[in-house]
């Protein structure tokens, strides 16, 4: 049905995960020319998870992409989770990883870092992404590949911070 999906996964030092899916946005300004933006829903995975639970979590967040429309003016999912009034306050103490899925390619785990020049906003670590590729258009990514790619990208983030 969709050819592209994206999720954001916030995590703290304990490796608690908060996953946020994207959805359609009413105006292109909320997600570039494609009109996509993070939804105001989130999923949580508590520390102590194994690879199977991690992969289930990632797939669950991806399954929620486009499940509802973006609502302008609503607090972000991370603000709802933390109870903070602003996005900057909500993400304090969290790291971020974006995960892109393209139907015919697979997954790209993109480590992000806090950009001190832009009031705590996140920016990608230049040229870095960890891929979990499809073997062909008709075969899914191997079991364990998503967990391995996620953990490698998480290591990069912790090394950079």
Protein backbone atom coordinates (compact mmCIF):
# COMPACT_ATOMS: atom_id res chain seq x y z
CA UNK A 1 0.00 0.00 0.00
CA UNK A 2 2.60 2.62 1.04
CA UNK A 3 6.02 2.76 -0.56
CA UNK A 4 7.63 4.76 2.25
CA UNK A 5 7.27 4.87 6.02
CA UNK A 6 9.29 6.52 8.74
CA UNK A 7 9.44 6.26 12.50
CA UNK A 8 11.34 8.11 15.19
CA UNK A 9 12.67 6.25 18.20
CA UNK A 10 13.68 8.27 21.25
CA UNK A 11 15.67 6.59 24.00
CA UNK A 12 17.41 7.47 27.23
CA UNK A 13 20.56 6.15 28.90
CA UNK A 14 18.62 3.16 30.28
CA UNK A 15 17.64 2.31 26.66
CA UNK A 16 13.91 2.73 27.25
CA UNK A 17 12.42 3.24 23.78
CA UNK A 18 9.61 5.60 22.74
CA UNK A 19 8.55 4.97 19.14
CA UNK A 20 6.63 7.54 17.08
CA UNK A 21 5.15 6.82 13.61
CA UNK A 22 4.54 9.32 10.80
CA UNK A 23 1.26 10.08 9.10
CA UNK A 24 -0.18 12.34 6.46
CA UNK A 25 -0.05 16.04 7.22
CA UNK A 26 -2.64 18.52 5.95
CA UNK A 27 0.00 20.97 4.74
CA UNK A 28 3.30 20.25 2.99
CA UNK A 29 5.16 22.50 5.46
CA UNK A 30 4.83 19.73 8.08
CA UNK A 31 7.01 17.17 6.41
CA UNK A 32 8.54 18.58 3.29
CA UNK A 33 6.93 18.30 -0.10
CA UNK A 34 5.32 14.97 0.76
CA UNK A 35 3.08 16.26 3.54
CA UNK A 36 4.18 13.85 6.28
CA UNK A 37 4.71 14.49 9.97
CA UNK A 38 5.12 12.62 13.23
CA UNK A 39 1.81 11.55 14.71
CA UNK A 40 0.83 12.32 18.30
CA UNK A 41 0.81 8.63 19.28
CA UNK A 42 3.66 6.66 20.79
CA UNK A 43 4.73 3.17 21.81
CA UNK A 44 7.03 2.34 24.74
CA UNK A 45 9.45 -0.55 25.18
CA UNK A 46 10.94 -0.86 28.66
CA UNK A 47 14.61 -1.84 29.14
CA UNK A 48 15.44 -5.53 29.40
CA UNK A 49 14.03 -6.43 25.97
CA UNK A 50 15.60 -9.03 23.71
CA UNK A 51 16.01 -8.98 19.95
CA UNK A 52 12.59 -10.51 19.33
CA UNK A 53 10.81 -7.90 21.47
CA UNK A 54 12.85 -5.12 19.84
CA UNK A 55 11.88 -6.26 16.34
CA UNK A 56 8.23 -6.60 17.38
CA UNK A 57 8.35 -3.04 18.78
CA UNK A 58 9.88 -1.63 15.56
CA UNK A 59 7.27 -3.40 13.42
CA UNK A 60 4.45 -2.26 15.71
CA UNK A 61 5.50 1.38 15.36
CA UNK A 62 5.81 1.00 11.56
CA UNK A 63 2.34 -0.59 11.44
CA UNK A 64 0.92 2.58 13.03
CA UNK A 65 2.26 4.84 10.25
CA UNK A 66 -0.59 6.63 8.45
CA UNK A 67 -3.06 5.24 11.02
CA UNK A 68 -4.46 8.72 11.61
CA UNK A 69 -4.10 12.26 10.34
CA UNK A 70 -1.63 14.74 11.76
CA UNK A 71 -3.39 17.42 13.82
CA UNK A 72 -1.79 20.85 13.77
CA UNK A 73 -1.35 22.46 17.17
CA UNK A 74 -1.39 19.20 19.15
CA UNK A 75 1.55 18.45 21.45
CA UNK A 76 4.06 16.06 19.91
CA UNK A 77 4.09 12.43 20.97
CA UNK A 78 7.24 12.91 23.02
CA UNK A 79 5.64 15.92 24.75
CA UNK A 80 2.61 13.78 25.57
CA UNK A 81 4.87 11.04 26.92
CA UNK A 82 7.02 13.33 29.08
CA UNK A 83 4.35 15.89 29.95
CA UNK A 84 6.64 18.73 28.85
CA UNK A 85 5.18 21.93 27.41
CA UNK A 86 7.78 22.28 24.64
CA UNK A 87 9.56 19.85 22.33
CA UNK A 88 12.99 21.05 23.50
CA UNK A 89 12.07 20.35 27.13
CA UNK A 90 10.53 16.99 26.19
CA UNK A 91 13.65 15.64 24.48
CA UNK A 92 16.10 16.74 27.16
CA UNK A 93 17.98 13.62 28.23
CA UNK A 94 16.88 11.63 25.16
CA UNK A 95 18.70 10.48 22.05
CA UNK A 96 16.97 10.00 18.70
CA UNK A 97 17.13 7.57 15.82
CA UNK A 98 15.02 7.87 12.68
CA UNK A 99 14.20 4.71 10.77
CA UNK A 100 13.15 4.87 7.13
CA UNK A 101 11.49 2.00 5.28
CA UNK A 102 11.31 1.96 1.49
CA UNK A 103 9.21 -0.81 -0.02
CA UNK A 104 11.75 -2.14 -2.53
CA UNK A 105 14.92 -1.45 -0.50
CA UNK A 106 14.42 -2.16 3.19
CA UNK A 107 15.31 -0.18 6.29
CA UNK A 108 17.79 2.60 7.04
CA UNK A 109 18.51 3.38 10.70
CA UNK A 110 19.69 7.00 10.85
CA UNK A 111 21.48 8.03 14.07
CA UNK A 112 20.73 11.60 15.13
CA UNK A 113 22.60 13.93 17.46
CA UNK A 114 21.67 17.10 19.31
CA UNK A 115 22.62 20.19 17.31
CA UNK A 116 23.71 22.76 19.88
CA UNK A 117 23.49 25.55 17.28
CA UNK A 118 19.74 25.04 16.92
CA UNK A 119 18.40 25.08 20.50
CA UNK A 120 18.68 21.34 21.08
CA UNK A 121 17.15 20.21 17.79
CA UNK A 122 18.34 16.92 16.35
CA UNK A 123 20.35 16.55 13.18
CA UNK A 124 21.62 13.45 11.42
CA UNK A 125 25.20 12.37 11.88
CA UNK A 126 26.55 13.22 8.42
CA UNK A 127 26.78 10.27 6.07
CA UNK A 128 25.91 7.65 8.68
CA UNK A 129 23.09 5.13 8.40
CA UNK A 130 22.85 1.44 9.15
CA UNK A 131 20.94 -0.59 6.58
CA UNK A 132 18.84 -3.73 6.87
CA UNK A 133 18.26 -4.53 3.21
CA UNK A 134 15.79 -6.83 1.50
CA UNK A 135 17.19 -9.84 -0.35
CA UNK A 136 14.69 -9.21 -3.12
CA UNK A 137 11.44 -7.31 -3.55
CA UNK A 138 9.55 -10.39 -2.43
CA UNK A 139 11.51 -11.56 0.62
CA UNK A 140 11.39 -9.81 3.99
CA UNK A 141 14.48 -8.77 5.91
CA UNK A 142 16.02 -11.72 7.76
CA UNK A 143 14.94 -12.33 11.34
CA UNK A 144 17.33 -10.52 13.65
CA UNK A 145 18.47 -7.98 11.03
CA UNK A 146 16.35 -5.12 12.39
CA UNK A 147 17.57 -5.66 15.95
CA UNK A 148 21.21 -5.84 14.81
CA UNK A 149 20.92 -2.65 12.71
CA UNK A 150 19.16 -0.82 15.55
CA UNK A 151 21.83 -1.79 18.07
CA UNK A 152 24.65 -0.74 15.73
CA UNK A 153 23.01 2.65 15.14
CA UNK A 154 22.43 3.06 18.89
CA UNK A 155 26.14 2.40 19.54
CA UNK A 156 27.04 5.14 17.04
CA UNK A 157 24.79 7.60 18.83
CA UNK A 158 26.28 6.81 22.25
CA UNK A 159 29.81 7.14 20.81
CA UNK A 160 29.01 10.55 19.31
CA UNK A 161 27.31 11.98 22.39
